[in-house]
Amino acid sequence: MKAEIKRSPGPFIAEDQIKAIQAKEHLTLKEGAFFLNISPLTLRRWTLAGKMKSKKIGKKHMFQKADLNFIIPI
């Protein structure tokens, strides 16, 4: 007899994290992707292709929320 693990799917991101993202001026790659409703990999590809402006701090890309508000991907 196999043991079955039952899990209920949780939200992708918690409500308190959503409020924190809305309050921030600079967002990480993951937060920026959530803000744009795209995958982090897509945002990384756009950044490396020059379609998205970011500042690199160490190894991390940081995005200004004002820059993300006006993005219309082509």
C-alpha atoms as a PDB file:
ATOM      1  CA  MET A   1       0.000   0.000   0.000  1.00  0.00           C
ATOM      2  CA  LYS A   2       1.433   3.352  -1.050  1.00  0.00           C
ATOM      3  CA  ALA A   3       1.227   6.339   1.237  1.00  0.00           C
ATOM      4  CA  GLU A   4      -0.441   9.264  -0.425  1.00  0.00           C
ATOM      5  CA  ILE A   5       0.507  12.793   0.463  1.00  0.00           C
ATOM      6  CA  LYS A   6      -2.333  15.216   0.088  1.00  0.00           C
ATOM      7  CA  ARG A   7      -1.452  18.853  -0.278  1.00  0.00           C
ATOM      8  CA  SER A   8      -3.629  21.758  -1.082  1.00  0.00           C
ATOM      9  CA  PRO A   9      -2.000  24.171  -3.502  1.00  0.00           C
ATOM     10  CA  GLY A  10      -0.983  27.396  -1.842  1.00  0.00           C
ATOM     11  CA  PRO A  11      -0.747  30.803  -3.430  1.00  0.00           C
ATOM     12  CA  PHE A  12       2.323  31.557  -5.528  1.00  0.00           C
ATOM     13  CA  ILE A  13       3.132  34.505  -3.301  1.00  0.00           C
ATOM     14  CA  ALA A  14       1.708  35.476   0.087  1.00  0.00           C
ATOM     15  CA  GLU A  15      -0.485  38.534   0.601  1.00  0.00           C
ATOM     16  CA  ASP A  16       2.047  40.242   2.891  1.00  0.00           C
ATOM     17  CA  GLN A  17       4.703  39.810   0.196  1.00  0.00           C
ATOM     18  CA  ILE A  18       2.394  41.461  -2.346  1.00  0.00           C
ATOM     19  CA  LYS A  19       2.003  44.485  -0.078  1.00  0.00           C
ATOM     20  CA  ALA A  20       5.791  44.643   0.409  1.00  0.00           C
ATOM     21  CA  ILE A  21       6.353  44.584  -3.357  1.00  0.00           C
ATOM     22  CA  GLN A  22       3.811  47.372  -3.877  1.00  0.00           C
ATOM     23  CA  ALA A  23       5.582  49.535  -1.288  1.00  0.00           C
ATOM     24  CA  LYS A  24       9.093  49.091  -2.731  1.00  0.00           C
ATOM     25  CA  GLU A  25      10.718  51.413  -5.238  1.00  0.00           C
ATOM     26  CA  HIS A  26      13.390  48.916  -6.413  1.00  0.00           C
ATOM     27  CA  LEU A  27      12.508  45.302  -7.139  1.00  0.00           C
ATOM     28  CA  THR A  28      14.534  42.123  -7.503  1.00  0.00           C
ATOM     29  CA  LEU A  29      14.220  39.925 -10.574  1.00  0.00           C
ATOM     30  CA  LYS A  30      11.626  37.662  -8.952  1.00  0.00           C
ATOM     31  CA  GLU A  31       9.596  40.584  -7.590  1.00  0.00           C
ATOM     32  CA  GLY A  32       9.745  42.398 -10.939  1.00  0.00           C
ATOM     33  CA  ALA A  33       8.552  39.285 -12.744  1.00  0.00           C
ATOM     34  CA  PHE A  34       5.639  38.946 -10.336  1.00  0.00           C
ATOM     35  CA  PHE A  35       4.829  42.636 -10.789  1.00  0.00           C
ATOM     36  CA  LEU A  36       4.694  42.172 -14.595  1.00  0.00           C
ATOM     37  CA  ASN A  37       2.931  38.805 -14.316  1.00  0.00           C
ATOM     38  CA  ILE A  38       5.655  36.992 -16.266  1.00  0.00           C
ATOM     39  CA  SER A  39       8.193  34.338 -15.337  1.00  0.00           C
ATOM     40  CA  PRO A  40      11.549  35.355 -13.849  1.00  0.00           C
ATOM     41  CA  LEU A  41      13.272  33.632 -16.785  1.00  0.00           C
ATOM     42  CA  THR A  42      11.409  35.861 -19.261  1.00  0.00           C
ATOM     43  CA  LEU A  43      12.390  38.997 -17.352  1.00  0.00           C
ATOM     44  CA  ARG A  44      16.018  37.817 -17.246  1.00  0.00           C
ATOM     45  CA  ARG A  45      15.964  37.220 -21.028  1.00  0.00           C
ATOM     46  CA  TRP A  46      14.477  40.665 -21.673  1.00  0.00           C
ATOM     47  CA  THR A  47      17.164  42.228 -19.480  1.00  0.00           C
ATOM     48  CA  LEU A  48      20.020  40.410 -21.183  1.00  0.00           C
ATOM     49  CA  ALA A  49      18.576  41.286 -24.617  1.00  0.00           C
ATOM     50  CA  GLY A  50      18.476  44.981 -23.670  1.00  0.00           C
ATOM     51  CA  LYS A  51      14.667  45.259 -23.736  1.00  0.00           C
ATOM     52  CA  MET A  52      14.560  45.971 -19.994  1.00  0.00           C
ATOM     53  CA  LYS A  53      16.645  48.461 -18.046  1.00  0.00           C
ATOM     54  CA  SER A  54      18.168  47.248 -14.766  1.00  0.00           C
ATOM     55  CA  LYS A  55      20.977  48.038 -12.389  1.00  0.00           C
ATOM     56  CA  LYS A  56      23.276  45.233 -11.405  1.00  0.00           C
ATOM     57  CA  ILE A  57      24.205  45.097  -7.732  1.00  0.00           C
ATOM     58  CA  GLY A  58      26.734  42.327  -7.266  1.00  0.00           C
ATOM     59  CA  LYS A  59      25.248  39.417  -9.185  1.00  0.00           C
ATOM     60  CA  LYS A  60      21.629  40.574  -8.859  1.00  0.00           C
ATOM     61  CA  HIS A  61      19.575  42.678 -11.229  1.00  0.00           C
ATOM     62  CA  MET A  62      17.479  45.404  -9.585  1.00  0.00           C
ATOM     63  CA  PHE A  63      14.620  47.126 -11.395  1.00  0.00           C
ATOM     64  CA  GLN A  64      12.994  50.469 -10.694  1.00  0.00           C
ATOM     65  CA  LYS A  65       9.243  50.090 -10.401  1.00  0.00           C
ATOM     66  CA  ALA A  66       8.744  53.242 -12.476  1.00  0.00           C
ATOM     67  CA  ASP A  67      10.562  51.558 -15.398  1.00  0.00           C
ATOM     68  CA  LEU A  68       8.378  48.455 -15.111  1.00  0.00           C
ATOM     69  CA  ASN A  69       5.112  50.434 -15.182  1.00  0.00           C
ATOM     70  CA  PHE A  70       5.578  51.488 -18.807  1.00  0.00           C
ATOM     71  CA  ILE A  71       6.832  48.231 -20.335  1.00  0.00           C
ATOM     72  CA  ILE A  72       5.000  46.932 -23.372  1.00  0.00           C
ATOM     73  CA  PRO A  73       6.844  43.826 -24.607  1.00  0.00           C
ATOM     74  CA  ILE A  74       7.272  43.398 -28.354  1.00  0.00           C
END
